[in-house]
PDB file of N, CA and C in Angstrom:
ATOM      1  N   UNK A   1      79.130  88.632 116.992  1.00  0.00           N
ATOM      2  CA  UNK A   1      78.289  88.905 115.920  1.00  0.00           C
ATOM      3  C   UNK A   1      76.731  88.853 116.471  1.00  0.00           C
ATOM      4  N   UNK A   2      76.001  89.899 116.165  1.00  0.00           N
ATOM      5  CA  UNK A   2      74.623  89.910 116.688  1.00  0.00           C
ATOM      6  C   UNK A   2      73.679  89.024 115.960  1.00  0.00           C
ATOM      7  N   UNK A   3      72.677  88.941 116.507  1.00  0.00           N
ATOM      8  CA  UNK A   3      71.597  88.103 115.765  1.00  0.00           C
ATOM      9  C   UNK A   3      70.907  88.846 114.849  1.00  0.00           C
ATOM     10  N   UNK A   4      70.625  90.149 115.175  1.00  0.00           N
ATOM     11  CA  UNK A   4      70.039  91.101 114.340  1.00  0.00           C
ATOM     12  C   UNK A   4      71.106  92.023 113.659  1.00  0.00           C
ATOM     13  N   UNK A   5      70.630  92.599 112.504  1.00  0.00           N
ATOM     14  CA  UNK A   5      71.586  93.483 111.810  1.00  0.00           C
ATOM     15  C   UNK A   5      71.868  94.749 112.555  1.00  0.00           C
ATOM     16  N   UNK A   6      72.765  95.483 112.254  1.00  0.00           N
ATOM     17  CA  UNK A   6      73.316  96.624 112.925  1.00  0.00           C
ATOM     18  C   UNK A   6      74.576  96.587 113.429  1.00  0.00           C
ATOM     19  N   UNK A   7      75.121  97.743 113.861  1.00  0.00           N
ATOM     20  CA  UNK A   7      76.535  97.723 114.380  1.00  0.00           C
ATOM     21  C   UNK A   7      77.563  98.216 113.554  1.00  0.00           C
ATOM     22  N   UNK A   8      78.566  98.572 114.176  1.00  0.00           N
ATOM     23  CA  UNK A   8      79.753  99.117 113.236  1.00  0.00           C
ATOM     24  C   UNK A   8      80.890  98.166 112.823  1.00  0.00           C
ATOM     25  N   UNK A   9      80.878  96.955 113.445  1.00  0.00           N
ATOM     26  CA  UNK A   9      82.014  96.012 113.222  1.00  0.00           C
ATOM     27  C   UNK A   9      81.957  95.678 111.709  1.00  0.00           C
ATOM     28  N   UNK A  10      83.291  95.538 111.321  1.00  0.00           N
ATOM     29  CA  UNK A  10      83.500  95.252 109.819  1.00  0.00           C
ATOM     30  C   UNK A  10      83.943  93.709 109.680  1.00  0.00           C
ATOM     31  N   UNK A  11      83.202  93.031 108.680  1.00  0.00           N
ATOM     32  CA  UNK A  11      83.458  91.529 108.510  1.00  0.00           C
ATOM     33  C   UNK A  11      83.834  91.340 107.070  1.00  0.00           C
ATOM     34  N   UNK A  12      84.561  90.487 106.847  1.00  0.00           N
ATOM     35  CA  UNK A  12      84.817  90.391 105.386  1.00  0.00           C
ATOM     36  C   UNK A  12      83.737  89.670 104.612  1.00  0.00           C
ATOM     37  N   UNK A  13      83.604  89.915 103.305  1.00  0.00           N
ATOM     38  CA  UNK A  13      82.520  89.217 102.579  1.00  0.00           C
ATOM     39  C   UNK A  13      82.909  87.735 102.513  1.00  0.00           C
ATOM     40  N   UNK A  14      81.970  86.897 102.283  1.00  0.00           N
ATOM     41  CA  UNK A  14      82.179  85.492 102.381  1.00  0.00           C
ATOM     42  C   UNK A  14      81.926  84.738 101.004  1.00  0.00           C
ATOM     43  N   UNK A  15      82.474  83.662 100.712  1.00  0.00           N
ATOM     44  CA  UNK A  15      82.385  83.050  99.652  1.00  0.00           C
ATOM     45  C   UNK A  15      81.655  81.726  99.935  1.00  0.00           C
ATOM     46  N   UNK A  16      80.307  81.475  99.670  1.00  0.00           N
ATOM     47  CA  UNK A  16      79.547  80.522  99.824  1.00  0.00           C
ATOM     48  C   UNK A  16      80.040  79.213  99.176  1.00  0.00           C
ATOM     49  N   UNK A  17      79.492  78.068  99.571  1.00  0.00           N
ATOM     50  CA  UNK A  17      79.899  76.874  98.949  1.00  0.00           C
ATOM     51  C   UNK A  17      79.543  76.824  97.401  1.00  0.00           C
ATOM     52  N   UNK A  18      78.607  77.661  97.123  1.00  0.00           N
ATOM     53  CA  UNK A  18      78.266  77.587  95.566  1.00  0.00           C
ATOM     54  C   UNK A  18      78.965  78.482  95.017  1.00  0.00           C
ATOM     55  N   UNK A  19      80.048  79.146  95.562  1.00  0.00           N
ATOM     56  CA  UNK A  19      81.076  80.044  94.769  1.00  0.00           C
ATOM     57  C   UNK A  19      80.506  81.535  94.840  1.00  0.00           C
ATOM     58  N   UNK A  20      79.290  81.605  95.282  1.00  0.00           N
ATOM     59  CA  UNK A  20      78.525  82.989  95.229  1.00  0.00           C
ATOM     60  C   UNK A  20      79.211  83.833  96.520  1.00  0.00           C
ATOM     61  N   UNK A  21      79.354  85.065  96.322  1.00  0.00           N
ATOM     62  CA  UNK A  21      79.926  85.977  97.249  1.00  0.00           C
ATOM     63  C   UNK A  21      78.620  86.665  98.077  1.00  0.00           C
ATOM     64  N   UNK A  22      78.814  86.436  99.444  1.00  0.00           N
ATOM     65  CA  UNK A  22      77.805  87.054 100.265  1.00  0.00           C
ATOM     66  C   UNK A  22      78.445  88.238 100.970  1.00  0.00           C
ATOM     67  N   UNK A  23      77.602  89.475 100.786  1.00  0.00           N
ATOM     68  CA  UNK A  23      78.136  90.632 101.434  1.00  0.00           C
ATOM     69  C   UNK A  23      77.858  90.349 102.909  1.00  0.00           C
ATOM     70  N   UNK A  24      78.631  90.731 103.790  1.00  0.00           N
ATOM     71  CA  UNK A  24      78.444  90.687 105.211  1.00  0.00           C
ATOM     72  C   UNK A  24      77.959  92.066 105.699  1.00  0.00           C
ATOM     73  N   UNK A  25      77.647  93.141 104.825  1.00  0.00           N
ATOM     74  CA  UNK A  25      77.132  94.414 105.127  1.00  0.00           C
ATOM     75  C   UNK A  25      75.843  94.779 104.413  1.00  0.00           C
ATOM     76  N   UNK A  26      75.092  95.787 105.216  1.00  0.00           N
ATOM     77  CA  UNK A  26      74.020  96.223 104.437  1.00  0.00           C
ATOM     78  C   UNK A  26      74.332  97.489 103.571  1.00  0.00           C
ATOM     79  N   UNK A  27      73.458  97.867 102.830  1.00  0.00           N
ATOM     80  CA  UNK A  27      73.741  99.060 101.933  1.00  0.00           C
ATOM     81  C   UNK A  27      74.167 100.324 102.785  1.00  0.00           C
ATOM     82  N   UNK A  28      73.721 100.456 103.969  1.00  0.00           N
ATOM     83  CA  UNK A  28      74.245 101.675 104.704  1.00  0.00           C
ATOM     84  C   UNK A  28      75.445 101.376 105.631  1.00  0.00           C
ATOM     85  N   UNK A  29      76.044 100.246 105.119  1.00  0.00           N
ATOM     86  CA  UNK A  29      77.439  99.798 105.755  1.00  0.00           C
ATOM     87  C   UNK A  29      77.289  99.231 107.210  1.00  0.00           C
ATOM     88  N   UNK A  30      76.139  99.130 107.752  1.00  0.00           N
ATOM     89  CA  UNK A  30      76.007  98.333 108.924  1.00  0.00           C
ATOM     90  C   UNK A  30      76.143  96.965 108.817  1.00  0.00           C
ATOM     91  N   UNK A  31      76.788  96.116 109.789  1.00  0.00           N
ATOM     92  CA  UNK A  31      76.900  94.783 109.618  1.00  0.00           C
ATOM     93  C   UNK A  31      75.666  93.939 109.637  1.00  0.00           C
ATOM     94  N   UNK A  32      75.572  92.806 108.704  1.00  0.00           N
ATOM     95  CA  UNK A  32      74.425  91.954 108.954  1.00  0.00           C
ATOM     96  C   UNK A  32      74.352  91.186 110.036  1.00  0.00           C
ATOM     97  N   UNK A  33      73.265  90.793 110.626  1.00  0.00           N
ATOM     98  CA  UNK A  33      73.085  89.862 111.738  1.00  0.00           C
ATOM     99  C   UNK A  33      73.086  88.546 111.285  1.00  0.00           C
ATOM    100  N   UNK A  34      73.295  87.714 112.286  1.00  0.00           N
ATOM    101  CA  UNK A  34      73.309  86.187 112.004  1.00  0.00           C
ATOM    102  C   UNK A  34      72.107  85.752 111.258  1.00  0.00           C
ATOM    103  N   UNK A  35      70.945  86.315 111.788  1.00  0.00           N
ATOM    104  CA  UNK A  35      69.527  85.886 111.168  1.00  0.00           C
ATOM    105  C   UNK A  35      69.498  86.093 109.812  1.00  0.00           C
ATOM    106  N   UNK A  36      69.913  87.273 109.246  1.00  0.00           N
ATOM    107  CA  UNK A  36      69.766  87.611 108.038  1.00  0.00           C
ATOM    108  C   UNK A  36      70.880  86.887 106.974  1.00  0.00           C
ATOM    109  N   UNK A  37      71.929  86.428 107.512  1.00  0.00           N
ATOM    110  CA  UNK A  37      73.021  85.750 106.973  1.00  0.00           C
ATOM    111  C   UNK A  37      72.490  84.368 106.695  1.00  0.00           C
ATOM    112  N   UNK A  38      71.867  83.777 107.744  1.00  0.00           N
ATOM    113  CA  UNK A  38      71.308  82.329 107.489  1.00  0.00           C
ATOM    114  C   UNK A  38      70.033  82.345 106.870  1.00  0.00           C
ATOM    115  N   UNK A  39      69.190  83.349 106.692  1.00  0.00           N
ATOM    116  CA  UNK A  39      68.186  83.620 105.748  1.00  0.00           C
ATOM    117  C   UNK A  39      68.688  83.572 104.347  1.00  0.00           C
ATOM    118  N   UNK A  40      69.572  84.348 103.970  1.00  0.00           N
ATOM    119  CA  UNK A  40      70.273  84.379 102.730  1.00  0.00           C
ATOM    120  C   UNK A  40      70.790  83.049 102.222  1.00  0.00           C
ATOM    121  N   UNK A  41      71.081  82.177 103.297  1.00  0.00           N
ATOM    122  CA  UNK A  41      71.800  80.910 102.931  1.00  0.00           C
ATOM    123  C   UNK A  41      70.791  79.802 102.957  1.00  0.00           C
ATOM    124  N   UNK A  42      69.399  80.206 103.328  1.00  0.00           N
ATOM    125  CA  UNK A  42      68.331  79.212 103.457  1.00  0.00           C
ATOM    126  C   UNK A  42      68.363  78.283 104.509  1.00  0.00           C
ATOM    127  N   UNK A  43      69.077  78.732 105.712  1.00  0.00           N
ATOM    128  CA  UNK A  43      69.431  78.016 106.856  1.00  0.00           C
ATOM    129  C   UNK A  43      68.613  78.342 107.951  1.00  0.00           C
ATOM    130  N   UNK A  44      67.876  79.517 107.892  1.00  0.00           N
ATOM    131  CA  UNK A  44      67.069  80.049 109.094  1.00  0.00           C
ATOM    132  C   UNK A  44      65.865  79.299 109.291  1.00  0.00           C
ATOM    133  N   UNK A  45      65.650  78.888 110.473  1.00  0.00           N
ATOM    134  CA  UNK A  45      64.334  78.057 110.985  1.00  0.00           C
ATOM    135  C   UNK A  45      63.895  79.065 112.259  1.00  0.00           C
ATOM    136  N   UNK A  46      62.401  79.105 112.088  1.00  0.00           N
ATOM    137  CA  UNK A  46      61.731  79.938 113.207  1.00  0.00           C
ATOM    138  C   UNK A  46      62.149  79.405 114.465  1.00  0.00           C
ATOM    139  N   UNK A  47      62.282  80.369 115.648  1.00  0.00           N
ATOM    140  CA  UNK A  47      62.435  79.774 116.805  1.00  0.00           C
ATOM    141  C   UNK A  47      63.943  79.741 117.212  1.00  0.00           C
ATOM    142  N   UNK A  48      64.785  79.877 116.388  1.00  0.00           N
ATOM    143  CA  UNK A  48      66.398  79.734 116.610  1.00  0.00           C
ATOM    144  C   UNK A  48      66.635  80.921 117.596  1.00  0.00           C
ATOM    145  N   UNK A  49      67.617  80.473 118.534  1.00  0.00           N
ATOM    146  CA  UNK A  49      68.208  81.539 119.387  1.00  0.00           C
ATOM    147  C   UNK A  49      69.588  81.825 118.985  1.00  0.00           C
ATOM    148  N   UNK A  50      70.161  82.844 119.546  1.00  0.00           N
ATOM    149  CA  UNK A  50      71.508  83.083 119.324  1.00  0.00           C
ATOM    150  C   UNK A  50      72.403  82.005 119.784  1.00  0.00           C
ATOM    151  N   UNK A  51      72.192  81.679 121.174  1.00  0.00           N
ATOM    152  CA  UNK A  51      72.937  80.471 121.716  1.00  0.00           C
ATOM    153  C   UNK A  51      71.934  79.742 122.545  1.00  0.00           C
ATOM    154  N   UNK A  52      72.148  78.467 122.664  1.00  0.00           N
ATOM    155  CA  UNK A  52      71.185  77.523 123.383  1.00  0.00           C
ATOM    156  C   UNK A  52      71.914  77.425 124.790  1.00  0.00           C
ATOM    157  N   UNK A  53      70.783  77.642 125.704  1.00  0.00           N
ATOM    158  CA  UNK A  53      71.304  77.481 127.281  1.00  0.00           C
ATOM    159  C   UNK A  53      71.793  76.172 127.589  1.00  0.00           C
ATOM    160  N   UNK A  54      71.170  75.204 126.939  1.00  0.00           N
ATOM    161  CA  UNK A  54      71.516  73.786 127.423  1.00  0.00           C
ATOM    162  C   UNK A  54      72.878  73.546 126.789  1.00  0.00           C
ATOM    163  N   UNK A  55      73.194  73.835 125.587  1.00  0.00           N
ATOM    164  CA  UNK A  55      74.252  73.544 124.936  1.00  0.00           C
ATOM    165  C   UNK A  55      75.566  74.310 125.365  1.00  0.00           C
ATOM    166  N   UNK A  56      75.268  75.690 126.132  1.00  0.00           N
ATOM    167  CA  UNK A  56      76.112  76.493 126.728  1.00  0.00           C
ATOM    168  C   UNK A  56      76.613  75.853 127.853  1.00  0.00           C
ATOM    169  N   UNK A  57      75.802  75.072 128.753  1.00  0.00           N
ATOM    170  CA  UNK A  57      76.173  74.379 129.859  1.00  0.00           C
ATOM    171  C   UNK A  57      76.892  73.145 129.590  1.00  0.00           C
ATOM    172  N   UNK A  58      76.658  72.530 128.440  1.00  0.00           N
ATOM    173  CA  UNK A  58      77.305  71.346 128.167  1.00  0.00           C
ATOM    174  C   UNK A  58      77.849  71.391 126.634  1.00  0.00           C
ATOM    175  N   UNK A  59      78.584  70.650 126.198  1.00  0.00           N
ATOM    176  CA  UNK A  59      79.006  70.452 124.866  1.00  0.00           C
ATOM    177  C   UNK A  59      77.878  70.259 123.848  1.00  0.00           C
ATOM    178  N   UNK A  60      77.768  71.062 122.763  1.00  0.00           N
ATOM    179  CA  UNK A  60      76.769  70.905 121.924  1.00  0.00           C
ATOM    180  C   UNK A  60      76.740  69.436 121.205  1.00  0.00           C
ATOM    181  N   UNK A  61      75.680  68.904 121.055  1.00  0.00           N
ATOM    182  CA  UNK A  61      75.451  67.554 120.451  1.00  0.00           C
ATOM    183  C   UNK A  61      74.753  67.610 119.142  1.00  0.00           C
ATOM    184  N   UNK A  62      74.103  68.832 118.956  1.00  0.00           N
ATOM    185  CA  UNK A  62      73.283  68.949 117.897  1.00  0.00           C
ATOM    186  C   UNK A  62      73.788  69.899 116.905  1.00  0.00           C
ATOM    187  N   UNK A  63      73.702  69.848 115.484  1.00  0.00           N
ATOM    188  CA  UNK A  63      74.420  70.847 114.651  1.00  0.00           C
ATOM    189  C   UNK A  63      73.428  71.892 114.144  1.00  0.00           C
ATOM    190  N   UNK A  64      72.146  71.760 114.501  1.00  0.00           N
ATOM    191  CA  UNK A  64      71.220  72.872 114.139  1.00  0.00           C
ATOM    192  C   UNK A  64      70.355  73.419 115.469  1.00  0.00           C
ATOM    193  N   UNK A  65      70.961  73.466 116.512  1.00  0.00           N
ATOM    194  CA  UNK A  65      70.266  73.905 117.781  1.00  0.00           C
ATOM    195  C   UNK A  65      70.300  75.329 117.908  1.00  0.00           C
ATOM    196  N   UNK A  66      71.381  76.049 117.610  1.00  0.00           N
ATOM    197  CA  UNK A  66      71.348  77.551 117.812  1.00  0.00           C
ATOM    198  C   UNK A  66      72.119  78.103 116.657  1.00  0.00           C
ATOM    199  N   UNK A  67      71.926  79.623 116.466  1.00  0.00           N
ATOM    200  CA  UNK A  67      72.390  80.171 115.068  1.00  0.00           C
ATOM    201  C   UNK A  67      73.872  80.160 115.139  1.00  0.00           C
ATOM    202  N   UNK A  68      74.636  80.483 116.392  1.00  0.00           N
ATOM    203  CA  UNK A  68      76.003  80.469 116.236  1.00  0.00           C
ATOM    204  C   UNK A  68      76.668  79.146 115.877  1.00  0.00           C
ATOM    205  N   UNK A  69      76.191  77.915 116.187  1.00  0.00           N
ATOM    206  CA  UNK A  69      76.563  76.716 115.913  1.00  0.00           C
ATOM    207  C   UNK A  69      76.376  76.607 114.466  1.00  0.00           C
ATOM    208  N   UNK A  70      75.340  76.896 113.961  1.00  0.00           N
ATOM    209  CA  UNK A  70      74.988  76.639 112.413  1.00  0.00           C
ATOM    210  C   UNK A  70      75.898  77.327 111.661  1.00  0.00           C
ATOM    211  N   UNK A  71      76.159  78.635 112.008  1.00  0.00           N
ATOM    212  CA  UNK A  71      77.044  79.470 111.218  1.00  0.00           C
ATOM    213  C   UNK A  71      78.542  79.205 111.333  1.00  0.00           C
ATOM    214  N   UNK A  72      78.851  78.645 112.552  1.00  0.00           N
ATOM    215  CA  UNK A  72      80.334  78.188 112.661  1.00  0.00           C
ATOM    216  C   UNK A  72      80.637  76.820 111.843  1.00  0.00           C
ATOM    217  N   UNK A  73      79.633  76.212 111.500  1.00  0.00           N
ATOM    218  CA  UNK A  73      79.772  74.984 110.593  1.00  0.00           C
ATOM    219  C   UNK A  73      79.878  75.125 109.206  1.00  0.00           C
ATOM    220  N   UNK A  74      79.666  76.286 108.998  1.00  0.00           N
ATOM    221  CA  UNK A  74      79.638  76.540 107.508  1.00  0.00           C
ATOM    222  C   UNK A  74      80.945  76.647 106.796  1.00  0.00           C
ATOM    223  N   UNK A  75      81.370  75.950 105.794  1.00  0.00           N
ATOM    224  CA  UNK A  75      82.656  75.854 105.308  1.00  0.00           C
ATOM    225  C   UNK A  75      83.492  77.125 105.209  1.00  0.00           C
ATOM    226  N   UNK A  76      82.777  78.111 104.746  1.00  0.00           N
ATOM    227  CA  UNK A  76      83.647  79.419 104.754  1.00  0.00           C
ATOM    228  C   UNK A  76      83.899  80.025 106.024  1.00  0.00           C
ATOM    229  N   UNK A  77      83.196  79.817 106.893  1.00  0.00           N
ATOM    230  CA  UNK A  77      83.437  80.220 108.330  1.00  0.00           C
ATOM    231  C   UNK A  77      84.481  79.255 109.137  1.00  0.00           C
ATOM    232  N   UNK A  78      84.499  77.969 108.692  1.00  0.00           N
ATOM    233  CA  UNK A  78      85.432  77.200 109.316  1.00  0.00           C
ATOM    234  C   UNK A  78      86.878  77.466 108.887  1.00  0.00           C
ATOM    235  N   UNK A  79      87.159  77.865 107.444  1.00  0.00           N
ATOM    236  CA  UNK A  79      88.449  78.003 107.053  1.00  0.00           C
ATOM    237  C   UNK A  79      88.857  79.531 107.294  1.00  0.00           C
ATOM    238  N   UNK A  80      87.953  80.315 107.997  1.00  0.00           N
ATOM    239  CA  UNK A  80      88.431  81.869 107.993  1.00  0.00           C
ATOM    240  C   UNK A  80      89.658  81.895 108.896  1.00  0.00           C
ATOM    241  N   UNK A  81      90.610  82.524 108.682  1.00  0.00           N
ATOM    242  CA  UNK A  81      91.731  82.754 109.611  1.00  0.00           C
ATOM    243  C   UNK A  81      91.526  84.097 110.475  1.00  0.00           C
ATOM    244  N   UNK A  82      92.189  84.136 111.545  1.00  0.00           N
ATOM    245  CA  UNK A  82      92.173  85.216 112.424  1.00  0.00           C
ATOM    246  C   UNK A  82      92.701  86.120 111.770  1.00  0.00           C
ATOM    247  N   UNK A  83      92.295  87.762 111.911  1.00  0.00           N
ATOM    248  CA  UNK A  83      92.821  89.012 111.225  1.00  0.00           C
ATOM    249  C   UNK A  83      94.197  89.109 111.643  1.00  0.00           C
ATOM    250  N   UNK A  84      94.780  88.752 112.825  1.00  0.00           N
ATOM    251  CA  UNK A  84      96.108  88.989 113.070  1.00  0.00           C
ATOM    252  C   UNK A  84      96.865  87.935 112.310  1.00  0.00           C
ATOM    253  N   UNK A  85      96.400  86.627 112.007  1.00  0.00           N
ATOM    254  CA  UNK A  85      97.203  85.673 111.525  1.00  0.00           C
ATOM    255  C   UNK A  85      97.238  86.030 110.007  1.00  0.00           C
ATOM    256  N   UNK A  86      96.196  86.671 109.404  1.00  0.00           N
ATOM    257  CA  UNK A  86      96.161  87.120 107.958  1.00  0.00           C
ATOM    258  C   UNK A  86      97.241  88.098 107.812  1.00  0.00           C
ATOM    259  N   UNK A  87      97.407  89.015 108.624  1.00  0.00           N
ATOM    260  CA  UNK A  87      98.333  90.199 108.728  1.00  0.00           C
ATOM    261  C   UNK A  87      99.789  89.788 108.816  1.00  0.00           C
ATOM    262  N   UNK A  88      99.979  88.807 109.713  1.00  0.00           N
ATOM    263  CA  UNK A  88     101.396  88.262 109.723  1.00  0.00           C
ATOM    264  C   UNK A  88     101.738  87.583 108.572  1.00  0.00           C
ATOM    265  N   UNK A  89     100.955  86.631 108.121  1.00  0.00           N
ATOM    266  CA  UNK A  89     101.332  85.733 107.039  1.00  0.00           C
ATOM    267  C   UNK A  89     101.357  86.678 105.761  1.00  0.00           C
ATOM    268  N   UNK A  90     100.757  87.717 105.578  1.00  0.00           N
ATOM    269  CA  UNK A  90     100.875  88.661 104.426  1.00  0.00           C
ATOM    270  C   UNK A  90     102.195  89.140 104.422  1.00  0.00           C
ATOM    271  N   UNK A  91     102.900  89.386 105.518  1.00  0.00           N
ATOM    272  CA  UNK A  91     104.221  89.838 105.616  1.00  0.00           C
ATOM    273  C   UNK A  91     105.417  88.767 105.349  1.00  0.00           C
ATOM    274  N   UNK A  92     104.803  87.471 105.164  1.00  0.00           N
ATOM    275  CA  UNK A  92     105.770  86.483 104.941  1.00  0.00           C
ATOM    276  C   UNK A  92     106.295  85.745 106.111  1.00  0.00           C
ATOM    277  N   UNK A  93     105.597  85.810 107.188  1.00  0.00           N
ATOM    278  CA  UNK A  93     105.877  85.178 108.490  1.00  0.00           C
ATOM    279  C   UNK A  93     105.055  83.956 108.741  1.00  0.00           C
ATOM    280  N   UNK A  94     105.319  82.989 109.384  1.00  0.00           N
ATOM    281  CA  UNK A  94     104.475  81.970 110.011  1.00  0.00           C
ATOM    282  C   UNK A  94     103.716  82.224 111.304  1.00  0.00           C
ATOM    283  N   UNK A  95     102.748  81.677 111.377  1.00  0.00           N
ATOM    284  CA  UNK A  95     102.002  81.936 112.929  1.00  0.00           C
ATOM    285  C   UNK A  95     101.755  80.307 113.263  1.00  0.00           C
ATOM    286  N   UNK A  96     102.132  80.399 114.609  1.00  0.00           N
ATOM    287  CA  UNK A  96     101.960  79.037 115.164  1.00  0.00           C
ATOM    288  C   UNK A  96     101.282  79.152 116.510  1.00  0.00           C
ATOM    289  N   UNK A  97      99.964  78.701 116.682  1.00  0.00           N
ATOM    290  CA  UNK A  97      99.331  79.019 117.900  1.00  0.00           C
ATOM    291  C   UNK A  97      99.411  77.769 118.695  1.00  0.00           C
ATOM    292  N   UNK A  98      99.685  78.037 120.109  1.00  0.00           N
ATOM    293  CA  UNK A  98      99.719  76.844 121.003  1.00  0.00           C
ATOM    294  C   UNK A  98      98.379  76.633 121.578  1.00  0.00           C
ATOM    295  N   UNK A  99      98.248  75.487 122.080  1.00  0.00           N
ATOM    296  CA  UNK A  99      96.938  75.201 122.589  1.00  0.00           C
ATOM    297  C   UNK A  99      96.632  76.026 123.847  1.00  0.00           C
ATOM    298  N   UNK A 100      95.223  76.409 123.990  1.00  0.00           N
ATOM    299  CA  UNK A 100      95.003  77.186 125.128  1.00  0.00           C
ATOM    300  C   UNK A 100      95.157  76.415 126.327  1.00  0.00           C
ATOM    301  N   UNK A 101      95.598  77.027 127.457  1.00  0.00           N
ATOM    302  CA  UNK A 101      95.616  76.404 128.920  1.00  0.00           C
ATOM    303  C   UNK A 101      96.677  75.410 128.957  1.00  0.00           C
ATOM    304  N   UNK A 102      97.615  75.426 127.874  1.00  0.00           N
ATOM    305  CA  UNK A 102      98.720  74.357 128.139  1.00  0.00           C
ATOM    306  C   UNK A 102     100.098  75.213 127.851  1.00  0.00           C
ATOM    307  N   UNK A 103     100.353  75.944 128.795  1.00  0.00           N
ATOM    308  CA  UNK A 103     101.552  76.689 128.713  1.00  0.00           C
ATOM    309  C   UNK A 103     102.766  75.731 128.852  1.00  0.00           C
ATOM    310  N   UNK A 104     102.627  74.675 129.267  1.00  0.00           N
ATOM    311  CA  UNK A 104     103.868  73.687 129.261  1.00  0.00           C
ATOM    312  C   UNK A 104     104.329  73.382 127.863  1.00  0.00           C
ATOM    313  N   UNK A 105     103.309  73.456 126.790  1.00  0.00           N
ATOM    314  CA  UNK A 105     103.615  73.307 125.446  1.00  0.00           C
ATOM    315  C   UNK A 105     104.487  74.402 124.920  1.00  0.00           C
ATOM    316  N   UNK A 106     104.513  75.492 125.440  1.00  0.00           N
ATOM    317  CA  UNK A 106     105.162  76.678 124.954  1.00  0.00           C
ATOM    318  C   UNK A 106     106.613  76.802 125.258  1.00  0.00           C
ATOM    319  N   UNK A 107     107.597  76.705 124.524  1.00  0.00           N
ATOM    320  CA  UNK A 107     109.057  76.558 124.810  1.00  0.00           C
ATOM    321  C   UNK A 107     109.521  77.613 125.540  1.00  0.00           C
ATOM    322  N   UNK A 108     108.974  78.878 125.551  1.00  0.00           N
ATOM    323  CA  UNK A 108     109.468  80.014 126.393  1.00  0.00           C
ATOM    324  C   UNK A 108     109.285  79.784 127.825  1.00  0.00           C
ATOM    325  N   UNK A 109     108.401  78.859 128.211  1.00  0.00           N
ATOM    326  CA  UNK A 109     108.029  78.611 129.657  1.00  0.00           C
ATOM    327  C   UNK A 109     109.331  77.824 130.163  1.00  0.00           C
ATOM    328  N   UNK A 110     110.116  77.150 129.430  1.00  0.00           N
ATOM    329  CA  UNK A 110     111.155  76.491 129.885  1.00  0.00           C
ATOM    330  C   UNK A 110     112.302  77.374 130.348  1.00  0.00           C
ATOM    331  N   UNK A 111     112.276  78.617 130.144  1.00  0.00           N
ATOM    332  CA  UNK A 111     113.435  79.603 130.324  1.00  0.00           C
ATOM    333  C   UNK A 111     113.197  80.536 131.398  1.00  0.00           C
TER     334      UNK A 111
END
């Protein structure tokens, strides 16, 4: 997701914590940027960057350091399932993701 609006990617509308629906697209069908989404939620602060170079080098210790972190901590973004997971589950199947970089946990590796 870009910091500024534009682009052709399609995102699902969100339901904010106050049960209000937030459109993820502008009237011309371009996707909203992170800045506009945070402004609509009252979370934008001047000087925020898309990602913090210090936090990128180390694990983030602050919750309001950069825009991606702020957005990723919003309840409606935390509970969002991956598109592939939603498609599979809509067909009545279960999805089980294994931990990344731990192939020994995947039973298929034993064969």
